[in-house]
PDB file of N, CA and C in Angstrom:
ATOM      1  N   MET A   1     186.489  69.091-113.796  1.00  0.00           N
ATOM      2  CA  MET A   1     186.234  67.711-114.132  1.00  0.00           C
ATOM      3  C   MET A   1     187.380  67.195-115.006  1.00  0.00           C
ATOM      4  N   PRO A   2     188.003  66.079-114.633  1.00  0.00           N
ATOM      5  CA  PRO A   2     189.114  65.554-115.422  1.00  0.00           C
ATOM      6  C   PRO A   2     188.643  64.994-116.763  1.00  0.00           C
ATOM      7  N   HIS A   3     189.525  65.047-117.712  1.00  0.00           N
ATOM      8  CA  HIS A   3     189.223  64.503-119.031  1.00  0.00           C
ATOM      9  C   HIS A   3     189.230  62.993-118.978  1.00  0.00           C
ATOM     10  N   GLY A   4     188.524  62.370-119.922  1.00  0.00           N
ATOM     11  CA  GLY A   4     188.467  60.913-119.988  1.00  0.00           C
ATOM     12  C   GLY A   4     189.783  60.319-120.440  1.00  0.00           C
ATOM     13  N   LYS A   5     189.796  58.999-120.465  1.00  0.00           N
ATOM     14  CA  LYS A   5     191.001  58.293-120.886  1.00  0.00           C
ATOM     15  C   LYS A   5     190.697  57.491-122.143  1.00  0.00           C
ATOM     16  N   THR A   6     191.747  57.136-122.840  1.00  0.00           N
ATOM     17  CA  THR A   6     191.645  56.353-124.060  1.00  0.00           C
ATOM     18  C   THR A   6     192.707  55.263-124.019  1.00  0.00           C
ATOM     19  N   SER A   7     192.572  54.277-124.883  1.00  0.00           N
ATOM     20  CA  SER A   7     193.486  53.124-124.858  1.00  0.00           C
ATOM     21  C   SER A   7     194.660  53.300-125.812  1.00  0.00           C
ATOM     22  N   TYR A   8     195.814  52.860-125.344  1.00  0.00           N
ATOM     23  CA  TYR A   8     197.021  52.780-126.159  1.00  0.00           C
ATOM     24  C   TYR A   8     197.485  51.330-126.094  1.00  0.00           C
ATOM     25  N   VAL A   9     198.023  50.825-127.207  1.00  0.00           N
ATOM     26  CA  VAL A   9     198.373  49.408-127.318  1.00  0.00           C
ATOM     27  C   VAL A   9     199.836  49.252-127.683  1.00  0.00           C
ATOM     28  N   CYS A  10     200.485  48.258-127.067  1.00  0.00           N
ATOM     29  CA  CYS A  10     201.826  47.823-127.469  1.00  0.00           C
ATOM     30  C   CYS A  10     201.660  46.439-128.081  1.00  0.00           C
ATOM     31  N   LEU A  11     201.847  46.323-129.385  1.00  0.00           N
ATOM     32  CA  LEU A  11     201.664  45.041-130.058  1.00  0.00           C
ATOM     33  C   LEU A  11     202.729  44.014-129.686  1.00  0.00           C
ATOM     34  N   PRO A  12     204.028  44.371-129.601  1.00  0.00           N
ATOM     35  CA  PRO A  12     205.018  43.358-129.226  1.00  0.00           C
ATOM     36  C   PRO A  12     204.785  42.760-127.837  1.00  0.00           C
ATOM     37  N   CYS A  13     204.322  43.558-126.878  1.00  0.00           N
ATOM     38  CA  CYS A  13     204.074  43.082-125.520  1.00  0.00           C
ATOM     39  C   CYS A  13     202.661  42.521-125.344  1.00  0.00           C
ATOM     40  N   ARG A  14     201.805  42.748-126.323  1.00  0.00           N
ATOM     41  CA  ARG A  14     200.389  42.391-126.236  1.00  0.00           C
ATOM     42  C   ARG A  14     199.786  42.975-124.950  1.00  0.00           C
ATOM     43  N   ALA A  15     199.914  44.306-124.824  1.00  0.00           N
ATOM     44  CA  ALA A  15     199.444  45.004-123.637  1.00  0.00           C
ATOM     45  C   ALA A  15     198.680  46.262-124.044  1.00  0.00           C
ATOM     46  N   SER A  16     197.713  46.632-123.207  1.00  0.00           N
ATOM     47  CA  SER A  16     196.913  47.821-123.434  1.00  0.00           C
ATOM     48  C   SER A  16     196.987  48.709-122.191  1.00  0.00           C
ATOM     49  N   TYR A  17     197.034  50.010-122.395  1.00  0.00           N
ATOM     50  CA  TYR A  17     197.134  50.975-121.299  1.00  0.00           C
ATOM     51  C   TYR A  17     196.123  52.083-121.502  1.00  0.00           C
ATOM     52  N   LYS A  18     195.391  52.428-120.446  1.00  0.00           N
ATOM     53  CA  LYS A  18     194.479  53.575-120.475  1.00  0.00           C
ATOM     54  C   LYS A  18     195.264  54.797-120.048  1.00  0.00           C
ATOM     55  N   GLN A  19     195.223  55.834-120.878  1.00  0.00           N
ATOM     56  CA  GLN A  19     195.946  57.070-120.585  1.00  0.00           C
ATOM     57  C   GLN A  19     195.084  58.251-120.999  1.00  0.00           C
ATOM     58  N   PRO A  20     195.390  59.444-120.484  1.00  0.00           N
ATOM     59  CA  PRO A  20     194.608  60.617-120.865  1.00  0.00           C
ATOM     60  C   PRO A  20     194.654  60.848-122.376  1.00  0.00           C
ATOM     61  N   TYR A  21     193.595  61.485-122.881  1.00  0.00           N
ATOM     62  CA  TYR A  21     193.556  61.800-124.313  1.00  0.00           C
ATOM     63  C   TYR A  21     194.779  62.620-124.711  1.00  0.00           C
ATOM     64  N   PRO A  22     195.241  62.455-125.956  1.00  0.00           N
ATOM     65  CA  PRO A  22     196.410  63.225-126.385  1.00  0.00           C
ATOM     66  C   PRO A  22     196.088  64.713-126.480  1.00  0.00           C
ATOM     67  N   GLY A  23     197.033  65.509-126.041  1.00  0.00           N
ATOM     68  CA  GLY A  23     196.906  66.962-126.129  1.00  0.00           C
ATOM     69  C   GLY A  23     197.646  67.475-127.354  1.00  0.00           C
ATOM     70  N   HIS A  24     197.686  68.780-127.493  1.00  0.00           N
ATOM     71  CA  HIS A  24     198.334  69.382-128.658  1.00  0.00           C
ATOM     72  C   HIS A  24     199.848  69.206-128.623  1.00  0.00           C
ATOM     73  N   HIS A  25     200.432  69.210-127.451  1.00  0.00           N
ATOM     74  CA  HIS A  25     201.894  69.147-127.344  1.00  0.00           C
ATOM     75  C   HIS A  25     202.382  67.869-126.685  1.00  0.00           C
ATOM     76  N   ASP A  26     201.575  66.811-126.767  1.00  0.00           N
ATOM     77  CA  ASP A  26     201.978  65.539-126.161  1.00  0.00           C
ATOM     78  C   ASP A  26     203.166  64.929-126.900  1.00  0.00           C
ATOM     79  N   HIS A  27     204.029  64.315-126.151  1.00  0.00           N
ATOM     80  CA  HIS A  27     205.145  63.569-126.721  1.00  0.00           C
ATOM     81  C   HIS A  27     204.653  62.186-127.136  1.00  0.00           C
ATOM     82  N   GLU A  28     205.458  61.477-127.875  1.00  0.00           N
ATOM     83  CA  GLU A  28     205.103  60.122-128.282  1.00  0.00           C
ATOM     84  C   GLU A  28     205.057  59.230-127.038  1.00  0.00           C
ATOM     85  N   ARG A  29     204.025  58.451-126.906  1.00  0.00           N
ATOM     86  CA  ARG A  29     203.899  57.568-125.749  1.00  0.00           C
ATOM     87  C   ARG A  29     204.623  56.258-126.021  1.00  0.00           C
ATOM     88  N   VAL A  30     205.327  55.773-125.000  1.00  0.00           N
ATOM     89  CA  VAL A  30     206.099  54.542-125.153  1.00  0.00           C
ATOM     90  C   VAL A  30     205.643  53.517-124.141  1.00  0.00           C
ATOM     91  N   CYS A  31     205.840  52.268-124.483  1.00  0.00           N
ATOM     92  CA  CYS A  31     205.466  51.148-123.627  1.00  0.00           C
ATOM     93  C   CYS A  31     206.381  51.123-122.389  1.00  0.00           C
ATOM     94  N   PRO A  32     205.802  50.983-121.199  1.00  0.00           N
ATOM     95  CA  PRO A  32     206.639  50.918-120.002  1.00  0.00           C
ATOM     96  C   PRO A  32     207.453  49.625-119.909  1.00  0.00           C
ATOM     97  N   ARG A  33     207.079  48.603-120.661  1.00  0.00           N
ATOM     98  CA  ARG A  33     207.807  47.333-120.627  1.00  0.00           C
ATOM     99  C   ARG A  33     208.981  47.310-121.589  1.00  0.00           C
ATOM    100  N   CYS A  34     208.731  47.695-122.867  1.00  0.00           N
ATOM    101  CA  CYS A  34     209.758  47.505-123.899  1.00  0.00           C
ATOM    102  C   CYS A  34     210.212  48.813-124.554  1.00  0.00           C
ATOM    103  N   ALA A  35     209.612  49.923-124.207  1.00  0.00           N
ATOM    104  CA  ALA A  35     209.932  51.245-124.749  1.00  0.00           C
ATOM    105  C   ALA A  35     209.603  51.397-126.231  1.00  0.00           C
ATOM    106  N   ALA A  36     208.793  50.503-126.794  1.00  0.00           N
ATOM    107  CA  ALA A  36     208.327  50.648-128.175  1.00  0.00           C
ATOM    108  C   ALA A  36     207.211  51.697-128.183  1.00  0.00           C
ATOM    109  N   PRO A  37     207.001  52.371-129.313  1.00  0.00           N
ATOM    110  CA  PRO A  37     205.920  53.361-129.378  1.00  0.00           C
ATOM    111  C   PRO A  37     204.552  52.687-129.221  1.00  0.00           C
ATOM    112  N   LEU A  38     203.685  53.339-128.460  1.00  0.00           N
ATOM    113  CA  LEU A  38     202.319  52.842-128.290  1.00  0.00           C
ATOM    114  C   LEU A  38     201.444  53.343-129.435  1.00  0.00           C
ATOM    115  N   ILE A  39     200.451  52.550-129.801  1.00  0.00           N
ATOM    116  CA  ILE A  39     199.500  52.910-130.861  1.00  0.00           C
ATOM    117  C   ILE A  39     198.204  53.328-130.194  1.00  0.00           C
ATOM    118  N   HIS A  40     197.683  54.486-130.588  1.00  0.00           N
ATOM    119  CA  HIS A  40     196.414  54.959-130.043  1.00  0.00           C
ATOM    120  C   HIS A  40     195.289  54.116-130.629  1.00  0.00           C
ATOM    121  N   ALA A  41     194.588  53.325-129.789  1.00  0.00           N
ATOM    122  CA  ALA A  41     193.561  52.406-130.262  1.00  0.00           C
ATOM    123  C   ALA A  41     192.164  53.011-130.170  1.00  0.00           C
ATOM    124  N   GLY A  42     191.941  53.964-129.303  1.00  0.00           N
ATOM    125  CA  GLY A  42     190.625  54.588-129.188  1.00  0.00           C
ATOM    126  C   GLY A  42     189.960  54.288-127.852  1.00  0.00           C
ATOM    127  N   SER A  43     188.922  55.061-127.548  1.00  0.00           N
ATOM    128  CA  SER A  43     188.281  54.942-126.244  1.00  0.00           C
ATOM    129  C   SER A  43     187.319  53.769-126.152  1.00  0.00           C
ATOM    130  N   ALA A  44     186.881  53.190-127.270  1.00  0.00           N
ATOM    131  CA  ALA A  44     185.959  52.055-127.252  1.00  0.00           C
ATOM    132  C   ALA A  44     186.695  50.725-127.410  1.00  0.00           C
ATOM    133  N   PHE A  45     188.006  50.720-127.220  1.00  0.00           N
ATOM    134  CA  PHE A  45     188.810  49.523-127.416  1.00  0.00           C
ATOM    135  C   PHE A  45     188.730  48.602-126.203  1.00  0.00           C
ATOM    136  N   ALA A  46     188.589  47.306-126.474  1.00  0.00           N
ATOM    137  CA  ALA A  46     188.633  46.292-125.411  1.00  0.00           C
ATOM    138  C   ALA A  46     189.727  45.297-125.796  1.00  0.00           C
ATOM    139  N   ALA A  47     190.748  45.203-125.004  1.00  0.00           N
ATOM    140  CA  ALA A  47     191.903  44.356-125.341  1.00  0.00           C
ATOM    141  C   ALA A  47     191.578  42.874-125.178  1.00  0.00           C
ATOM    142  N   PRO A  48     192.090  42.048-126.088  1.00  0.00           N
ATOM    143  CA  PRO A  48     191.944  40.600-125.909  1.00  0.00           C
ATOM    144  C   PRO A  48     192.884  40.123-124.798  1.00  0.00           C
ATOM    145  N   ARG A  49     192.694  38.903-124.369  1.00  0.00           N
ATOM    146  CA  ARG A  49     193.600  38.333-123.367  1.00  0.00           C
ATOM    147  C   ARG A  49     195.005  38.241-123.960  1.00  0.00           C
ATOM    148  N   ARG A  50     195.994  38.432-123.117  1.00  0.00           N
ATOM    149  CA  ARG A  50     197.375  38.433-123.587  1.00  0.00           C
ATOM    150  C   ARG A  50     197.774  37.121-124.244  1.00  0.00           C
ATOM    151  N   ARG A  51     197.257  36.001-123.779  1.00  0.00           N
ATOM    152  CA  ARG A  51     197.650  34.706-124.339  1.00  0.00           C
ATOM    153  C   ARG A  51     196.893  34.347-125.625  1.00  0.00           C
ATOM    154  N   ASP A  52     195.900  35.144-126.019  1.00  0.00           N
ATOM    155  CA  ASP A  52     195.128  34.891-127.235  1.00  0.00           C
ATOM    156  C   ASP A  52     195.886  35.468-128.444  1.00  0.00           C
ATOM    157  N   ARG A  53     196.836  34.706-128.942  1.00  0.00           N
ATOM    158  CA  ARG A  53     197.702  35.180-130.027  1.00  0.00           C
ATOM    159  C   ARG A  53     196.946  35.488-131.306  1.00  0.00           C
ATOM    160  N   ALA A  54     195.944  34.676-131.635  1.00  0.00           N
ATOM    161  CA  ALA A  54     195.171  34.903-132.871  1.00  0.00           C
ATOM    162  C   ALA A  54     194.434  36.237-132.794  1.00  0.00           C
ATOM    163  N   ALA A  55     193.862  36.576-131.657  1.00  0.00           N
ATOM    164  CA  ALA A  55     193.163  37.849-131.506  1.00  0.00           C
ATOM    165  C   ALA A  55     194.137  39.022-131.628  1.00  0.00           C
ATOM    166  N   TRP A  56     195.336  38.865-131.079  1.00  0.00           N
ATOM    167  CA  TRP A  56     196.332  39.942-131.189  1.00  0.00           C
ATOM    168  C   TRP A  56     196.849  40.078-132.620  1.00  0.00           C
ATOM    169  N   ARG A  57     196.933  38.980-133.361  1.00  0.00           N
ATOM    170  CA  ARG A  57     197.323  39.073-134.779  1.00  0.00           C
ATOM    171  C   ARG A  57     196.249  39.808-135.569  1.00  0.00           C
ATOM    172  N   THR A  58     194.983  39.507-135.281  1.00  0.00           N
ATOM    173  CA  THR A  58     193.874  40.208-135.928  1.00  0.00           C
ATOM    174  C   THR A  58     193.920  41.688-135.590  1.00  0.00           C
ATOM    175  N   LEU A  59     194.127  42.002-134.318  1.00  0.00           N
ATOM    176  CA  LEU A  59     194.228  43.392-133.873  1.00  0.00           C
ATOM    177  C   LEU A  59     195.397  44.096-134.548  1.00  0.00           C
ATOM    178  N   SER A  60     196.502  43.405-134.712  1.00  0.00           N
ATOM    179  CA  SER A  60     197.666  43.981-135.375  1.00  0.00           C
ATOM    180  C   SER A  60     197.351  44.384-136.814  1.00  0.00           C
ATOM    181  N   VAL A  61     196.625  43.524-137.524  1.00  0.00           N
ATOM    182  CA  VAL A  61     196.227  43.850-138.900  1.00  0.00           C
ATOM    183  C   VAL A  61     195.360  45.100-138.907  1.00  0.00           C
ATOM    184  N   LEU A  62     194.392  45.166-137.997  1.00  0.00           N
ATOM    185  CA  LEU A  62     193.487  46.321-137.949  1.00  0.00           C
ATOM    186  C   LEU A  62     194.230  47.617-137.629  1.00  0.00           C
ATOM    187  N   LEU A  63     195.065  47.588-136.596  1.00  0.00           N
ATOM    188  CA  LEU A  63     195.765  48.816-136.205  1.00  0.00           C
ATOM    189  C   LEU A  63     196.764  49.247-137.264  1.00  0.00           C
ATOM    190  N   ASN A  64     197.449  48.301-137.891  1.00  0.00           N
ATOM    191  CA  ASN A  64     198.408  48.672-138.949  1.00  0.00           C
ATOM    192  C   ASN A  64     197.706  49.168-140.211  1.00  0.00           C
ATOM    193  N   ALA A  65     196.420  48.832-140.387  1.00  0.00           N
ATOM    194  CA  ALA A  65     195.640  49.357-141.511  1.00  0.00           C
ATOM    195  C   ALA A  65     195.064  50.730-141.196  1.00  0.00           C
ATOM    196  N   GLY A  66     195.266  51.209-139.972  1.00  0.00           N
ATOM    197  CA  GLY A  66     194.776  52.528-139.597  1.00  0.00           C
ATOM    198  C   GLY A  66     193.396  52.519-138.985  1.00  0.00           C
ATOM    199  N   ILE A  67     192.868  51.354-138.665  1.00  0.00           N
ATOM    200  CA  ILE A  67     191.529  51.253-138.082  1.00  0.00           C
ATOM    201  C   ILE A  67     191.640  51.385-136.571  1.00  0.00           C
ATOM    202  N   ARG A  68     190.803  52.259-136.008  1.00  0.00           N
ATOM    203  CA  ARG A  68     190.820  52.497-134.581  1.00  0.00           C
ATOM    204  C   ARG A  68     189.440  52.201-133.989  1.00  0.00           C
ATOM    205  N   PHE A  69     189.330  52.270-132.688  1.00  0.00           N
ATOM    206  CA  PHE A  69     188.111  51.926-131.969  1.00  0.00           C
ATOM    207  C   PHE A  69     187.586  53.146-131.223  1.00  0.00           C
ATOM    208  N   HIS A  70     187.108  54.128-131.964  1.00  0.00           N
ATOM    209  CA  HIS A  70     186.583  55.355-131.369  1.00  0.00           C
ATOM    210  C   HIS A  70     185.075  55.239-131.233  1.00  0.00           C
ATOM    211  N   LYS A  71     184.533  55.862-130.198  1.00  0.00           N
ATOM    212  CA  LYS A  71     183.081  55.891-130.017  1.00  0.00           C
ATOM    213  C   LYS A  71     182.471  56.808-131.051  1.00  0.00           C
ATOM    214  N   SER A  72     181.252  56.467-131.481  1.00  0.00           N
ATOM    215  CA  SER A  72     180.523  57.357-132.378  1.00  0.00           C
ATOM    216  C   SER A  72     179.349  57.948-131.625  1.00  0.00           C
ATOM    217  N   CYS A  73     178.621  58.832-132.260  1.00  0.00           N
ATOM    218  CA  CYS A  73     177.486  59.476-131.607  1.00  0.00           C
ATOM    219  C   CYS A  73     176.361  58.481-131.310  1.00  0.00           C
ATOM    220  N   CYS A  74     176.317  57.376-132.034  1.00  0.00           N
ATOM    221  CA  CYS A  74     175.213  56.425-131.890  1.00  0.00           C
ATOM    222  C   CYS A  74     175.626  55.140-131.196  1.00  0.00           C
ATOM    223  N   GLY A  75     176.773  55.087-130.594  1.00  0.00           N
ATOM    224  CA  GLY A  75     177.191  53.861-129.925  1.00  0.00           C
ATOM    225  C   GLY A  75     178.678  53.637-130.053  1.00  0.00           C
ATOM    226  N   GLY A  76     179.042  52.392-130.346  1.00  0.00           N
ATOM    227  CA  GLY A  76     180.439  51.988-130.412  1.00  0.00           C
ATOM    228  C   GLY A  76     181.104  52.287-131.743  1.00  0.00           C
ATOM    229  N   PRO A  77     182.228  51.656-131.984  1.00  0.00           N
ATOM    230  CA  PRO A  77     183.017  51.961-133.180  1.00  0.00           C
ATOM    231  C   PRO A  77     182.501  51.308-134.453  1.00  0.00           C
ATOM    232  N   GLY A  78     181.483  50.482-134.369  1.00  0.00           N
ATOM    233  CA  GLY A  78     180.987  49.777-135.545  1.00  0.00           C
ATOM    234  C   GLY A  78     181.635  48.408-135.671  1.00  0.00           C
ATOM    235  N   TYR A  79     181.434  47.764-136.794  1.00  0.00           N
ATOM    236  CA  TYR A  79     181.935  46.407-136.987  1.00  0.00           C
ATOM    237  C   TYR A  79     183.460  46.392-137.073  1.00  0.00           C
ATOM    238  N   ARG A  80     184.080  45.428-136.410  1.00  0.00           N
ATOM    239  CA  ARG A  80     185.507  45.142-136.535  1.00  0.00           C
ATOM    240  C   ARG A  80     185.653  43.626-136.560  1.00  0.00           C
ATOM    241  N   PRO A  81     186.461  43.061-137.487  1.00  0.00           N
ATOM    242  CA  PRO A  81     186.654  41.611-137.493  1.00  0.00           C
ATOM    243  C   PRO A  81     187.311  41.133-136.202  1.00  0.00           C
ATOM    244  N   ARG A  82     186.901  39.943-135.758  1.00  0.00           N
ATOM    245  CA  ARG A  82     187.445  39.400-134.520  1.00  0.00           C
ATOM    246  C   ARG A  82     188.343  38.197-134.752  1.00  0.00           C
ATOM    247  N   THR A  83     188.287  37.605-135.946  1.00  0.00           N
ATOM    248  CA  THR A  83     189.098  36.412-136.214  1.00  0.00           C
ATOM    249  C   THR A  83     189.915  36.616-137.470  1.00  0.00           C
ATOM    250  N   LEU A  84     190.966  35.816-137.597  1.00  0.00           N
ATOM    251  CA  LEU A  84     191.809  35.895-138.798  1.00  0.00           C
ATOM    252  C   LEU A  84     191.050  35.464-140.045  1.00  0.00           C
ATOM    253  N   SER A  85     190.101  34.546-139.908  1.00  0.00           N
ATOM    254  CA  SER A  85     189.335  34.132-141.086  1.00  0.00           C
ATOM    255  C   SER A  85     188.461  35.280-141.599  1.00  0.00           C
ATOM    256  N   GLU A  86     187.900  36.086-140.703  1.00  0.00           N
ATOM    257  CA  GLU A  86     187.137  37.256-141.125  1.00  0.00           C
ATOM    258  C   GLU A  86     188.046  38.265-141.821  1.00  0.00           C
ATOM    259  N   VAL A  87     189.254  38.424-141.319  1.00  0.00           N
ATOM    260  CA  VAL A  87     190.214  39.341-141.953  1.00  0.00           C
ATOM    261  C   VAL A  87     190.572  38.840-143.345  1.00  0.00           C
ATOM    262  N   ARG A  88     190.874  37.534-143.481  1.00  0.00           N
ATOM    263  CA  ARG A  88     191.224  36.960-144.781  1.00  0.00           C
ATOM    264  C   ARG A  88     190.076  37.115-145.783  1.00  0.00           C
ATOM    265  N   GLU A  89     188.853  36.887-145.326  1.00  0.00           N
ATOM    266  CA  GLU A  89     187.680  37.024-146.188  1.00  0.00           C
ATOM    267  C   GLU A  89     187.564  38.444-146.732  1.00  0.00           C
ATOM    268  N   ARG A  90     187.792  39.431-145.883  1.00  0.00           N
ATOM    269  CA  ARG A  90     187.693  40.828-146.309  1.00  0.00           C
ATOM    270  C   ARG A  90     188.880  41.245-147.176  1.00  0.00           C
ATOM    271  N   MET A  91     190.051  40.679-146.922  1.00  0.00           N
ATOM    272  CA  MET A  91     191.211  40.960-147.769  1.00  0.00           C
ATOM    273  C   MET A  91     190.990  40.412-149.180  1.00  0.00           C
ATOM    274  N   THR A  92     190.431  39.229-149.272  1.00  0.00           N
ATOM    275  CA  THR A  92     190.131  38.638-150.566  1.00  0.00           C
ATOM    276  C   THR A  92     189.119  39.497-151.316  1.00  0.00           C
ATOM    277  N   HIS A  93     188.102  39.947-150.624  1.00  0.00           N
ATOM    278  CA  HIS A  93     187.100  40.816-151.240  1.00  0.00           C
ATOM    279  C   HIS A  93     187.747  42.116-151.736  1.00  0.00           C
ATOM    280  N   ALA A  94     188.613  42.691-150.933  1.00  0.00           N
ATOM    281  CA  ALA A  94     189.279  43.951-151.323  1.00  0.00           C
ATOM    282  C   ALA A  94     190.150  43.745-152.569  1.00  0.00           C
ATOM    283  N   ARG A  95     190.855  42.622-152.645  1.00  0.00           N
ATOM    284  CA  ARG A  95     191.688  42.355-153.829  1.00  0.00           C
ATOM    285  C   ARG A  95     190.829  42.163-155.083  1.00  0.00           C
ATOM    286  N   ARG A  96     189.711  41.434-154.956  1.00  0.00           N
ATOM    287  CA  ARG A  96     188.847  41.170-156.106  1.00  0.00           C
ATOM    288  C   ARG A  96     188.164  42.420-156.627  1.00  0.00           C
ATOM    289  N   THR A  97     187.711  43.286-155.708  1.00  0.00           N
ATOM    290  CA  THR A  97     186.917  44.434-156.123  1.00  0.00           C
ATOM    291  C   THR A  97     187.706  45.729-156.251  1.00  0.00           C
ATOM    292  N   GLY A  98     188.902  45.762-155.694  1.00  0.00           N
ATOM    293  CA  GLY A  98     189.692  47.003-155.721  1.00  0.00           C
ATOM    294  C   GLY A  98     189.304  47.971-154.623  1.00  0.00           C
ATOM    295  N   GLU A  99     188.460  47.536-153.702  1.00  0.00           N
ATOM    296  CA  GLU A  99     188.062  48.373-152.575  1.00  0.00           C
ATOM    297  C   GLU A  99     189.269  48.589-151.666  1.00  0.00           C
ATOM    298  N   PRO A 100     189.435  49.779-151.101  1.00  0.00           N
ATOM    299  CA  PRO A 100     190.560  50.000-150.177  1.00  0.00           C
ATOM    300  C   PRO A 100     190.507  49.007-149.012  1.00  0.00           C
ATOM    301  N   PHE A 101     191.666  48.555-148.614  1.00  0.00           N
ATOM    302  CA  PHE A 101     191.794  47.526-147.599  1.00  0.00           C
ATOM    303  C   PHE A 101     191.132  47.939-146.291  1.00  0.00           C
ATOM    304  N   ALA A 102     191.352  49.167-145.823  1.00  0.00           N
ATOM    305  CA  ALA A 102     190.792  49.636-144.560  1.00  0.00           C
ATOM    306  C   ALA A 102     189.262  49.661-144.614  1.00  0.00           C
ATOM    307  N   ARG A 103     188.693  50.038-145.749  1.00  0.00           N
ATOM    308  CA  ARG A 103     187.243  50.079-145.867  1.00  0.00           C
ATOM    309  C   ARG A 103     186.657  48.669-145.883  1.00  0.00           C
ATOM    310  N   ALA A 104     187.335  47.734-146.537  1.00  0.00           N
ATOM    311  CA  ALA A 104     186.871  46.349-146.583  1.00  0.00           C
ATOM    312  C   ALA A 104     186.912  45.696-145.199  1.00  0.00           C
ATOM    313  N   LEU A 105     187.880  46.086-144.370  1.00  0.00           N
ATOM    314  CA  LEU A 105     187.981  45.481-143.031  1.00  0.00           C
ATOM    315  C   LEU A 105     186.828  45.882-142.110  1.00  0.00           C
ATOM    316  N   VAL A 106     186.262  47.058-142.279  1.00  0.00           N
ATOM    317  CA  VAL A 106     185.181  47.490-141.416  1.00  0.00           C
ATOM    318  C   VAL A 106     183.806  47.211-142.007  1.00  0.00           C
ATOM    319  N   ARG A 107     183.787  46.540-143.146  1.00  0.00           N
ATOM    320  CA  ARG A 107     182.525  46.175-143.783  1.00  0.00           C
ATOM    321  C   ARG A 107     181.869  45.075-142.955  1.00  0.00           C
ATOM    322  N   GLY A 108     180.603  45.276-142.609  1.00  0.00           N
ATOM    323  CA  GLY A 108     179.877  44.300-141.783  1.00  0.00           C
ATOM    324  C   GLY A 108     179.702  42.969-142.457  1.00  0.00           C
ATOM    325  N   GLU A 109     179.297  42.976-143.703  1.00  0.00           N
ATOM    326  CA  GLU A 109     179.110  41.739-144.454  1.00  0.00           C
ATOM    327  C   GLU A 109     179.809  41.866-145.796  1.00  0.00           C
ATOM    328  N   VAL A 110     180.397  40.781-146.236  1.00  0.00           N
ATOM    329  CA  VAL A 110     181.070  40.760-147.529  1.00  0.00           C
ATOM    330  C   VAL A 110     180.086  40.230-148.560  1.00  0.00           C
ATOM    331  N   PRO A 111     179.862  40.985-149.646  1.00  0.00           N
ATOM    332  CA  PRO A 111     178.908  40.511-150.677  1.00  0.00           C
ATOM    333  C   PRO A 111     179.412  39.279-151.419  1.00  0.00           C
TER     334      PRO A 111
END
């Protein structure tokens, strides 16, 4: 039985590619369009439309913060912000409280 696939993302091209899971000796994956390194986004990732620049900016913030979209035992990856205003709201909360940025981004509700 073949192994499943997971998503890799090229932020400059705003493109997503499904590829086999990384192995122990895999080389760095590169974008077939621009040869930039691909970012492993996870198996539960759903790419926004290429022309939706705001969604790709939000995704860029999440991926650069180290947040991925992996499946959990009970369902999907959990809460992820979908708009820049949600990202800004969580960034403000993180600055005020001292909470790590990555943890504030995956927080479902901001107190």
